[in-house]
């Protein structure tokens, strides 16, 4: 199945892509901001940033090793060479297997960001009605869920925990359909970073409204919500991942678009609840 589609996508017309976006948007409209992931072997993927080669490997492993669910943590576009192809492949599989493919929103699924960091330029190069297609993609992005919680209470999110969110179920109360992310809690979910040698929330150098979260607020958040751990992305590491807070939080990165010297990894949540990080 993976190889078959990777051949088919090369022949997609502009209208085919437009129809694909519209069909996936209809599926995303039915999903809540917080996805509940059923029990079963689950793969969690970090930033892809247009890395089609790594995505191809991920899809092959997903089918070969019989995973039940595949969670992508956002940042599908910008920076890499195959941004349009990556998002089209992801949308194809979301349409094909809507209950098994989870597409979480990252900070680059926002027109303010992806107009600056490469996606807009890629769309201009590849589509005749480029402005319309750019709007279509970003309108679909606005429907992406913001987080997922697995059957064994692993919280999956692009950025991190936000200051001001008491209960994770309240993620479902956050505004939907924001193309340009303005809600403060939503912004923190896709932008915040962990800070090992800190205790509280602190202002981040990434920009206004974005924060770093320390051990004390992290421990309070996971205890209050009965969370066993967090898997997030949003930062690159040479070996592909980094653990924080006594390994209760794992940050993964799944793209080599920055450099082939950066390892791409994915997280694996086994049926019995054990979490591994594996190279891909």
C-alpha atoms as a PDB file:
ATOM      1  CA  UNK A   1       0.000   0.000   0.000  1.00  0.00           C
ATOM      2  CA  UNK A   2       2.683   2.626   0.823  1.00  0.00           C
ATOM      3  CA  UNK A   3       4.585   2.159  -2.431  1.00  0.00           C
ATOM      4  CA  UNK A   4       1.366   2.199  -4.442  1.00  0.00           C
ATOM      5  CA  UNK A   5       0.333   5.580  -3.150  1.00  0.00           C
ATOM      6  CA  UNK A   6       3.756   7.173  -3.405  1.00  0.00           C
ATOM      7  CA  UNK A   7       3.552   6.395  -7.124  1.00  0.00           C
ATOM      8  CA  UNK A   8      -0.015   7.669  -7.439  1.00  0.00           C
ATOM      9  CA  UNK A   9       0.634  11.016  -5.713  1.00  0.00           C
ATOM     10  CA  UNK A  10       3.108  12.041  -8.392  1.00  0.00           C
ATOM     11  CA  UNK A  11       0.260  12.090 -10.917  1.00  0.00           C
ATOM     12  CA  UNK A  12      -2.246  14.063  -8.839  1.00  0.00           C
ATOM     13  CA  UNK A  13      -3.674  17.040 -10.698  1.00  0.00           C
ATOM     14  CA  UNK A  14      -4.344  20.363  -9.014  1.00  0.00           C
ATOM     15  CA  UNK A  15      -8.038  19.477  -8.888  1.00  0.00           C
ATOM     16  CA  UNK A  16      -7.229  16.080  -7.354  1.00  0.00           C
ATOM     17  CA  UNK A  17      -5.302  17.820  -4.583  1.00  0.00           C
ATOM     18  CA  UNK A  18      -8.055  20.362  -4.045  1.00  0.00           C
ATOM     19  CA  UNK A  19     -10.593  17.555  -3.681  1.00  0.00           C
ATOM     20  CA  UNK A  20      -8.287  15.715  -1.272  1.00  0.00           C
ATOM     21  CA  UNK A  21      -7.953  18.800   0.932  1.00  0.00           C
ATOM     22  CA  UNK A  22     -11.711  19.314   0.969  1.00  0.00           C
ATOM     23  CA  UNK A  23     -12.405  15.661   1.827  1.00  0.00           C
ATOM     24  CA  UNK A  24      -9.887  15.649   4.682  1.00  0.00           C
ATOM     25  CA  UNK A  25     -11.231  18.922   6.020  1.00  0.00           C
ATOM     26  CA  UNK A  26     -14.677  17.325   6.296  1.00  0.00           C
ATOM     27  CA  UNK A  27     -13.157  14.502   8.360  1.00  0.00           C
ATOM     28  CA  UNK A  28     -11.243  16.926  10.593  1.00  0.00           C
ATOM     29  CA  UNK A  29     -14.426  18.920  11.227  1.00  0.00           C
ATOM     30  CA  UNK A  30     -15.884  15.848  12.963  1.00  0.00           C
ATOM     31  CA  UNK A  31     -12.936  15.479  15.359  1.00  0.00           C
ATOM     32  CA  UNK A  32     -12.554  17.108  18.752  1.00  0.00           C
ATOM     33  CA  UNK A  33      -9.551  19.192  19.785  1.00  0.00           C
ATOM     34  CA  UNK A  34      -8.435  16.344  22.081  1.00  0.00           C
ATOM     35  CA  UNK A  35      -8.246  12.941  20.383  1.00  0.00           C
ATOM     36  CA  UNK A  36      -8.764   9.796  22.467  1.00  0.00           C
ATOM     37  CA  UNK A  37      -6.435   7.045  21.200  1.00  0.00           C
ATOM     38  CA  UNK A  38      -7.647   3.455  21.745  1.00  0.00           C
ATOM     39  CA  UNK A  39      -5.498   0.656  23.107  1.00  0.00           C
ATOM     40  CA  UNK A  40      -3.000  -0.797  20.661  1.00  0.00           C
ATOM     41  CA  UNK A  41       0.530  -0.429  19.381  1.00  0.00           C
ATOM     42  CA  UNK A  42       0.972   3.245  18.546  1.00  0.00           C
ATOM     43  CA  UNK A  43       3.652   5.197  16.696  1.00  0.00           C
ATOM     44  CA  UNK A  44       4.226   8.877  17.476  1.00  0.00           C
ATOM     45  CA  UNK A  45       6.020  11.046  14.904  1.00  0.00           C
ATOM     46  CA  UNK A  46       7.687  14.397  15.539  1.00  0.00           C
ATOM     47  CA  UNK A  47       8.318  17.290  13.142  1.00  0.00           C
ATOM     48  CA  UNK A  48       8.586  16.280   9.466  1.00  0.00           C
ATOM     49  CA  UNK A  49       9.183  19.662   7.786  1.00  0.00           C
ATOM     50  CA  UNK A  50       8.853  18.391   4.231  1.00  0.00           C
ATOM     51  CA  UNK A  51      10.995  15.270   4.696  1.00  0.00           C
ATOM     52  CA  UNK A  52       9.242  12.892   2.295  1.00  0.00           C
ATOM     53  CA  UNK A  53      11.974  10.250   2.457  1.00  0.00           C
ATOM     54  CA  UNK A  54      11.586   9.821   6.211  1.00  0.00           C
ATOM     55  CA  UNK A  55       7.788   9.826   5.919  1.00  0.00           C
ATOM     56  CA  UNK A  56       8.044   7.013   3.374  1.00  0.00           C
ATOM     57  CA  UNK A  57      10.039   4.932   5.877  1.00  0.00           C
ATOM     58  CA  UNK A  58       7.555   5.730   8.642  1.00  0.00           C
ATOM     59  CA  UNK A  59       4.583   4.578   6.557  1.00  0.00           C
ATOM     60  CA  UNK A  60       6.364   1.358   5.595  1.00  0.00           C
ATOM     61  CA  UNK A  61       7.207   0.545   9.239  1.00  0.00           C
ATOM     62  CA  UNK A  62       3.640   1.373  10.290  1.00  0.00           C
ATOM     63  CA  UNK A  63       2.203  -1.237   7.926  1.00  0.00           C
ATOM     64  CA  UNK A  64       4.990  -3.794   8.220  1.00  0.00           C
ATOM     65  CA  UNK A  65       4.948  -3.920  12.031  1.00  0.00           C
ATOM     66  CA  UNK A  66       1.162  -3.746  12.268  1.00  0.00           C
ATOM     67  CA  UNK A  67       0.704  -0.622  14.346  1.00  0.00           C
ATOM     68  CA  UNK A  68      -2.863   0.240  15.234  1.00  0.00           C
ATOM     69  CA  UNK A  69      -2.529   4.046  15.376  1.00  0.00           C
ATOM     70  CA  UNK A  70      -0.127   6.569  13.868  1.00  0.00           C
ATOM     71  CA  UNK A  71       0.053   9.989  15.564  1.00  0.00           C
ATOM     72  CA  UNK A  72       1.804  12.907  13.863  1.00  0.00           C
ATOM     73  CA  UNK A  73       2.651  15.821  16.157  1.00  0.00           C
ATOM     74  CA  UNK A  74       2.621  18.635  13.606  1.00  0.00           C
ATOM     75  CA  UNK A  75       5.061  20.797  11.631  1.00  0.00           C
ATOM     76  CA  UNK A  76       4.459  18.983   8.355  1.00  0.00           C
ATOM     77  CA  UNK A  77       5.415  21.934   6.161  1.00  0.00           C
ATOM     78  CA  UNK A  78       8.153  24.607   5.887  1.00  0.00           C
ATOM     79  CA  UNK A  79      11.923  24.268   5.511  1.00  0.00           C
ATOM     80  CA  UNK A  80      12.114  20.900   3.693  1.00  0.00           C
ATOM     81  CA  UNK A  81      12.234  20.136  -0.029  1.00  0.00           C
ATOM     82  CA  UNK A  82       8.967  18.170  -0.280  1.00  0.00           C
ATOM     83  CA  UNK A  83       6.492  20.118   1.843  1.00  0.00           C
ATOM     84  CA  UNK A  84       3.528  19.870  -0.513  1.00  0.00           C
ATOM     85  CA  UNK A  85       4.174  16.181  -1.129  1.00  0.00           C
ATOM     86  CA  UNK A  86       4.391  15.444   2.608  1.00  0.00           C
ATOM     87  CA  UNK A  87       1.098  17.108   3.477  1.00  0.00           C
ATOM     88  CA  UNK A  88      -0.609  15.464   0.484  1.00  0.00           C
ATOM     89  CA  UNK A  89       0.603  12.025   1.584  1.00  0.00           C
ATOM     90  CA  UNK A  90      -0.584  12.673   5.135  1.00  0.00           C
ATOM     91  CA  UNK A  91      -3.968  13.861   3.903  1.00  0.00           C
ATOM     92  CA  UNK A  92      -4.273  10.804   1.670  1.00  0.00           C
ATOM     93  CA  UNK A  93      -3.736   8.407   4.562  1.00  0.00           C
ATOM     94  CA  UNK A  94      -5.989  10.439   6.837  1.00  0.00           C
ATOM     95  CA  UNK A  95      -8.758  10.075   4.257  1.00  0.00           C
ATOM     96  CA  UNK A  96      -8.001   6.378   3.786  1.00  0.00           C
ATOM     97  CA  UNK A  97      -7.814   5.501   7.513  1.00  0.00           C
ATOM     98  CA  UNK A  98      -9.375   8.383   9.490  1.00  0.00           C
ATOM     99  CA  UNK A  99      -9.547   6.435  12.763  1.00  0.00           C
ATOM    100  CA  UNK A 100      -5.951   5.192  12.613  1.00  0.00           C
ATOM    101  CA  UNK A 101      -4.168   8.373  11.497  1.00  0.00           C
ATOM    102  CA  UNK A 102      -4.060  11.306  13.944  1.00  0.00           C
ATOM    103  CA  UNK A 103      -2.806  14.653  12.645  1.00  0.00           C
ATOM    104  CA  UNK A 104      -2.034  17.109  15.463  1.00  0.00           C
ATOM    105  CA  UNK A 105      -1.522  20.789  14.752  1.00  0.00           C
ATOM    106  CA  UNK A 106       1.942  22.306  15.075  1.00  0.00           C
ATOM    107  CA  UNK A 107       3.033  25.935  15.149  1.00  0.00           C
ATOM    108  CA  UNK A 108       3.870  25.802  11.418  1.00  0.00           C
ATOM    109  CA  UNK A 109       0.280  24.913  10.514  1.00  0.00           C
ATOM    110  CA  UNK A 110      -0.487  28.629  10.688  1.00  0.00           C
ATOM    111  CA  UNK A 111      -0.388  31.005   7.674  1.00  0.00           C
ATOM    112  CA  UNK A 112       1.570  33.632   9.602  1.00  0.00           C
ATOM    113  CA  UNK A 113       4.401  31.113  10.012  1.00  0.00           C
ATOM    114  CA  UNK A 114       4.196  29.015   6.842  1.00  0.00           C
ATOM    115  CA  UNK A 115       4.069  32.109   4.646  1.00  0.00           C
ATOM    116  CA  UNK A 116       7.533  33.019   5.985  1.00  0.00           C
ATOM    117  CA  UNK A 117       9.319  29.681   6.214  1.00  0.00           C
ATOM    118  CA  UNK A 118       8.814  28.112   2.807  1.00  0.00           C
ATOM    119  CA  UNK A 119       5.380  26.564   2.367  1.00  0.00           C
ATOM    120  CA  UNK A 120       3.856  29.529   0.548  1.00  0.00           C
ATOM    121  CA  UNK A 121       6.756  29.564  -1.909  1.00  0.00           C
ATOM    122  CA  UNK A 122       6.400  25.829  -2.526  1.00  0.00           C
ATOM    123  CA  UNK A 123       2.677  26.200  -3.190  1.00  0.00           C
ATOM    124  CA  UNK A 124       3.380  29.062  -5.620  1.00  0.00           C
ATOM    125  CA  UNK A 125       5.802  26.864  -7.547  1.00  0.00           C
ATOM    126  CA  UNK A 126       3.537  23.828  -7.775  1.00  0.00           C
ATOM    127  CA  UNK A 127       0.027  25.157  -8.339  1.00  0.00           C
ATOM    128  CA  UNK A 128      -1.485  27.449 -10.948  1.00  0.00           C
ATOM    129  CA  UNK A 129      -4.095  28.797  -8.514  1.00  0.00           C
ATOM    130  CA  UNK A 130      -1.496  29.099  -5.790  1.00  0.00           C
ATOM    131  CA  UNK A 131      -3.173  31.711  -3.595  1.00  0.00           C
ATOM    132  CA  UNK A 132      -6.389  29.704  -3.541  1.00  0.00           C
ATOM    133  CA  UNK A 133      -4.521  26.484  -2.769  1.00  0.00           C
ATOM    134  CA  UNK A 134      -2.548  28.168   0.028  1.00  0.00           C
ATOM    135  CA  UNK A 135      -5.822  29.329   1.582  1.00  0.00           C
ATOM    136  CA  UNK A 136      -7.323  25.849   1.181  1.00  0.00           C
ATOM    137  CA  UNK A 137      -4.400  24.164   2.940  1.00  0.00           C
ATOM    138  CA  UNK A 138      -4.448  26.622   5.833  1.00  0.00           C
ATOM    139  CA  UNK A 139      -8.205  26.400   6.207  1.00  0.00           C
ATOM    140  CA  UNK A 140      -7.810  22.631   6.564  1.00  0.00           C
ATOM    141  CA  UNK A 141      -4.974  23.170   9.061  1.00  0.00           C
ATOM    142  CA  UNK A 142      -7.327  25.270  11.194  1.00  0.00           C
ATOM    143  CA  UNK A 143      -9.424  22.131  11.821  1.00  0.00           C
ATOM    144  CA  UNK A 144      -6.505  19.999  13.048  1.00  0.00           C
ATOM    145  CA  UNK A 145      -6.855  18.728  16.633  1.00  0.00           C
ATOM    146  CA  UNK A 146      -4.506  20.169  19.256  1.00  0.00           C
ATOM    147  CA  UNK A 147      -3.534  17.099  21.298  1.00  0.00           C
ATOM    148  CA  UNK A 148      -4.172  13.414  21.927  1.00  0.00           C
ATOM    149  CA  UNK A 149      -4.385  11.243  25.026  1.00  0.00           C
ATOM    150  CA  UNK A 150      -3.723   7.512  24.741  1.00  0.00           C
ATOM    151  CA  UNK A 151      -5.492   4.674  26.513  1.00  0.00           C
ATOM    152  CA  UNK A 152      -2.585   4.491  28.991  1.00  0.00           C
ATOM    153  CA  UNK A 153      -2.629   8.248  29.715  1.00  0.00           C
ATOM    154  CA  UNK A 154       0.240   9.467  27.531  1.00  0.00           C
ATOM    155  CA  UNK A 155      -0.404  13.059  26.478  1.00  0.00           C
ATOM    156  CA  UNK A 156       0.748  13.845  22.929  1.00  0.00           C
ATOM    157  CA  UNK A 157       1.129  17.467  21.824  1.00  0.00           C
ATOM    158  CA  UNK A 158       3.327  19.523  19.526  1.00  0.00           C
ATOM    159  CA  UNK A 159       4.675  22.098  21.989  1.00  0.00           C
ATOM    160  CA  UNK A 160       3.865  21.638  25.631  1.00  0.00           C
ATOM    161  CA  UNK A 161       1.659  22.284  28.615  1.00  0.00           C
ATOM    162  CA  UNK A 162       0.084  25.744  28.790  1.00  0.00           C
ATOM    163  CA  UNK A 163      -0.183  28.170  31.669  1.00  0.00           C
ATOM    164  CA  UNK A 164      -3.888  28.545  32.417  1.00  0.00           C
ATOM    165  CA  UNK A 165      -5.127  25.071  31.411  1.00  0.00           C
ATOM    166  CA  UNK A 166      -6.249  23.129  34.471  1.00  0.00           C
ATOM    167  CA  UNK A 167      -7.912  20.072  32.916  1.00  0.00           C
ATOM    168  CA  UNK A 168      -6.873  18.522  29.598  1.00  0.00           C
ATOM    169  CA  UNK A 169     -10.526  17.860  28.786  1.00  0.00           C
ATOM    170  CA  UNK A 170     -10.902  21.643  28.559  1.00  0.00           C
ATOM    171  CA  UNK A 171      -8.842  21.526  25.353  1.00  0.00           C
ATOM    172  CA  UNK A 172     -12.145  20.575  23.725  1.00  0.00           C
ATOM    173  CA  UNK A 173     -13.541  23.967  24.807  1.00  0.00           C
ATOM    174  CA  UNK A 174     -10.873  25.946  22.967  1.00  0.00           C
ATOM    175  CA  UNK A 175     -11.961  27.842  19.860  1.00  0.00           C
ATOM    176  CA  UNK A 176     -11.778  25.948  16.577  1.00  0.00           C
ATOM    177  CA  UNK A 177     -11.152  27.056  13.012  1.00  0.00           C
ATOM    178  CA  UNK A 178      -8.477  29.615  13.916  1.00  0.00           C
ATOM    179  CA  UNK A 179      -6.331  29.901  10.801  1.00  0.00           C
ATOM    180  CA  UNK A 180      -4.052  32.402  12.529  1.00  0.00           C
ATOM    181  CA  UNK A 181      -3.632  31.130  16.076  1.00  0.00           C
ATOM    182  CA  UNK A 182      -4.638  33.843  18.518  1.00  0.00           C
ATOM    183  CA  UNK A 183      -6.140  31.990  21.491  1.00  0.00           C
ATOM    184  CA  UNK A 184      -3.480  32.090  24.275  1.00  0.00           C
ATOM    185  CA  UNK A 185      -3.925  28.469  25.415  1.00  0.00           C
ATOM    186  CA  UNK A 186      -3.867  27.137  21.852  1.00  0.00           C
ATOM    187  CA  UNK A 187      -0.737  29.176  21.157  1.00  0.00           C
ATOM    188  CA  UNK A 188       1.041  27.654  24.137  1.00  0.00           C
ATOM    189  CA  UNK A 189       0.013  24.103  23.207  1.00  0.00           C
ATOM    190  CA  UNK A 190       1.786  24.463  19.858  1.00  0.00           C
ATOM    191  CA  UNK A 191       4.707  26.684  20.973  1.00  0.00           C
ATOM    192  CA  UNK A 192       5.740  26.046  24.614  1.00  0.00           C
ATOM    193  CA  UNK A 193       8.988  24.257  25.565  1.00  0.00           C
ATOM    194  CA  UNK A 194      10.154  22.318  28.646  1.00  0.00           C
ATOM    195  CA  UNK A 195      12.955  23.816  30.755  1.00  0.00           C
ATOM    196  CA  UNK A 196      14.752  21.293  32.941  1.00  0.00           C
ATOM    197  CA  UNK A 197      16.423  23.716  35.389  1.00  0.00           C
ATOM    198  CA  UNK A 198      13.302  25.777  35.998  1.00  0.00           C
ATOM    199  CA  UNK A 199      10.285  25.344  38.266  1.00  0.00           C
ATOM    200  CA  UNK A 200       7.523  27.628  37.044  1.00  0.00           C
ATOM    201  CA  UNK A 201       6.341  29.092  33.755  1.00  0.00           C
ATOM    202  CA  UNK A 202       8.698  31.666  32.256  1.00  0.00           C
ATOM    203  CA  UNK A 203       8.496  33.899  29.210  1.00  0.00           C
ATOM    204  CA  UNK A 204      10.159  32.282  26.176  1.00  0.00           C
ATOM    205  CA  UNK A 205      12.539  33.931  23.751  1.00  0.00           C
ATOM    206  CA  UNK A 206      10.371  32.468  20.947  1.00  0.00           C
ATOM    207  CA  UNK A 207       7.981  35.404  21.240  1.00  0.00           C
ATOM    208  CA  UNK A 208       5.058  37.054  23.076  1.00  0.00           C
ATOM    209  CA  UNK A 209       2.624  34.693  24.769  1.00  0.00           C
ATOM    210  CA  UNK A 210       4.990  31.712  24.472  1.00  0.00           C
ATOM    211  CA  UNK A 211       6.416  30.150  27.633  1.00  0.00           C
ATOM    212  CA  UNK A 212       8.877  27.659  29.014  1.00  0.00           C
ATOM    213  CA  UNK A 213       7.535  25.269  31.634  1.00  0.00           C
ATOM    214  CA  UNK A 214       9.576  23.907  34.528  1.00  0.00           C
ATOM    215  CA  UNK A 215       9.487  20.803  36.690  1.00  0.00           C
ATOM    216  CA  UNK A 216       7.090  22.051  39.361  1.00  0.00           C
ATOM    217  CA  UNK A 217       4.306  23.101  36.984  1.00  0.00           C
ATOM    218  CA  UNK A 218       4.916  19.993  34.866  1.00  0.00           C
ATOM    219  CA  UNK A 219       4.543  17.666  37.863  1.00  0.00           C
ATOM    220  CA  UNK A 220       1.431  19.514  38.979  1.00  0.00           C
ATOM    221  CA  UNK A 221      -0.113  19.234  35.497  1.00  0.00           C
ATOM    222  CA  UNK A 222       0.456  15.497  35.075  1.00  0.00           C
ATOM    223  CA  UNK A 223      -0.667  14.696  38.629  1.00  0.00           C
ATOM    224  CA  UNK A 224      -3.830  16.785  38.339  1.00  0.00           C
ATOM    225  CA  UNK A 225      -4.722  15.146  35.022  1.00  0.00           C
ATOM    226  CA  UNK A 226      -3.532  11.637  35.959  1.00  0.00           C
ATOM    227  CA  UNK A 227      -1.076  11.627  33.059  1.00  0.00           C
ATOM    228  CA  UNK A 228       1.747   9.076  33.044  1.00  0.00           C
ATOM    229  CA  UNK A 229       3.926  10.934  30.573  1.00  0.00           C
ATOM    230  CA  UNK A 230       4.110  13.370  27.682  1.00  0.00           C
ATOM    231  CA  UNK A 231       5.460  12.939  24.163  1.00  0.00           C
ATOM    232  CA  UNK A 232       6.009  16.196  22.269  1.00  0.00           C
ATOM    233  CA  UNK A 233       8.155  17.530  19.407  1.00  0.00           C
ATOM    234  CA  UNK A 234       8.927  21.144  18.347  1.00  0.00           C
ATOM    235  CA  UNK A 235      12.710  20.985  18.967  1.00  0.00           C
ATOM    236  CA  UNK A 236      15.482  19.284  17.017  1.00  0.00           C
ATOM    237  CA  UNK A 237      18.260  17.263  18.635  1.00  0.00           C
ATOM    238  CA  UNK A 238      21.312  15.695  17.050  1.00  0.00           C
ATOM    239  CA  UNK A 239      20.317  12.192  18.186  1.00  0.00           C
ATOM    240  CA  UNK A 240      16.638  12.872  17.482  1.00  0.00           C
ATOM    241  CA  UNK A 241      15.265  13.069  21.013  1.00  0.00           C
ATOM    242  CA  UNK A 242      15.720  14.317  24.559  1.00  0.00           C
ATOM    243  CA  UNK A 243      14.179  13.288  27.883  1.00  0.00           C
ATOM    244  CA  UNK A 244      13.098  15.748  30.574  1.00  0.00           C
ATOM    245  CA  UNK A 245      11.812  15.573  34.137  1.00  0.00           C
ATOM    246  CA  UNK A 246      13.070  12.073  35.023  1.00  0.00           C
ATOM    247  CA  UNK A 247      12.039  10.781  31.591  1.00  0.00           C
ATOM    248  CA  UNK A 248       8.382  11.631  32.146  1.00  0.00           C
ATOM    249  CA  UNK A 249       8.544  13.880  29.092  1.00  0.00           C
ATOM    250  CA  UNK A 250      10.147  12.830  25.815  1.00  0.00           C
ATOM    251  CA  UNK A 251      10.754  15.281  22.988  1.00  0.00           C
ATOM    252  CA  UNK A 252      11.182  13.662  19.566  1.00  0.00           C
ATOM    253  CA  UNK A 253      12.198  14.947  16.145  1.00  0.00           C
ATOM    254  CA  UNK A 254      11.505  13.019  12.937  1.00  0.00           C
ATOM    255  CA  UNK A 255      13.019  15.121  10.154  1.00  0.00           C
ATOM    256  CA  UNK A 256      16.397  15.289   8.454  1.00  0.00           C
ATOM    257  CA  UNK A 257      15.408  18.382   6.469  1.00  0.00           C
ATOM    258  CA  UNK A 258      17.770  20.495   8.555  1.00  0.00           C
ATOM    259  CA  UNK A 259      20.744  18.176   8.161  1.00  0.00           C
ATOM    260  CA  UNK A 260      21.443  14.537   7.389  1.00  0.00           C
ATOM    261  CA  UNK A 261      23.621  14.629  10.517  1.00  0.00           C
ATOM    262  CA  UNK A 262      20.469  14.989  12.630  1.00  0.00           C
ATOM    263  CA  UNK A 263      18.916  11.611  13.427  1.00  0.00           C
ATOM    264  CA  UNK A 264      15.207  11.060  12.812  1.00  0.00           C
ATOM    265  CA  UNK A 265      13.348   9.057  15.467  1.00  0.00           C
ATOM    266  CA  UNK A 266       9.788   8.087  16.357  1.00  0.00           C
ATOM    267  CA  UNK A 267       8.144   7.125  19.619  1.00  0.00           C
ATOM    268  CA  UNK A 268       6.520   3.729  20.059  1.00  0.00           C
ATOM    269  CA  UNK A 269       3.858   3.043  22.674  1.00  0.00           C
ATOM    270  CA  UNK A 270       3.506  -0.719  22.944  1.00  0.00           C
ATOM    271  CA  UNK A 271       0.203  -2.422  23.722  1.00  0.00           C
ATOM    272  CA  UNK A 272       1.379  -3.140  27.264  1.00  0.00           C
ATOM    273  CA  UNK A 273       2.168   0.572  27.761  1.00  0.00           C
ATOM    274  CA  UNK A 274       5.973   0.554  27.441  1.00  0.00           C
ATOM    275  CA  UNK A 275       7.425   3.519  25.525  1.00  0.00           C
ATOM    276  CA  UNK A 276      10.449   3.256  23.232  1.00  0.00           C
ATOM    277  CA  UNK A 277      12.236   5.739  21.007  1.00  0.00           C
ATOM    278  CA  UNK A 278      13.532   4.149  17.816  1.00  0.00           C
ATOM    279  CA  UNK A 279      15.522   5.479  14.821  1.00  0.00           C
ATOM    280  CA  UNK A 280      13.605   5.570  11.580  1.00  0.00           C
END
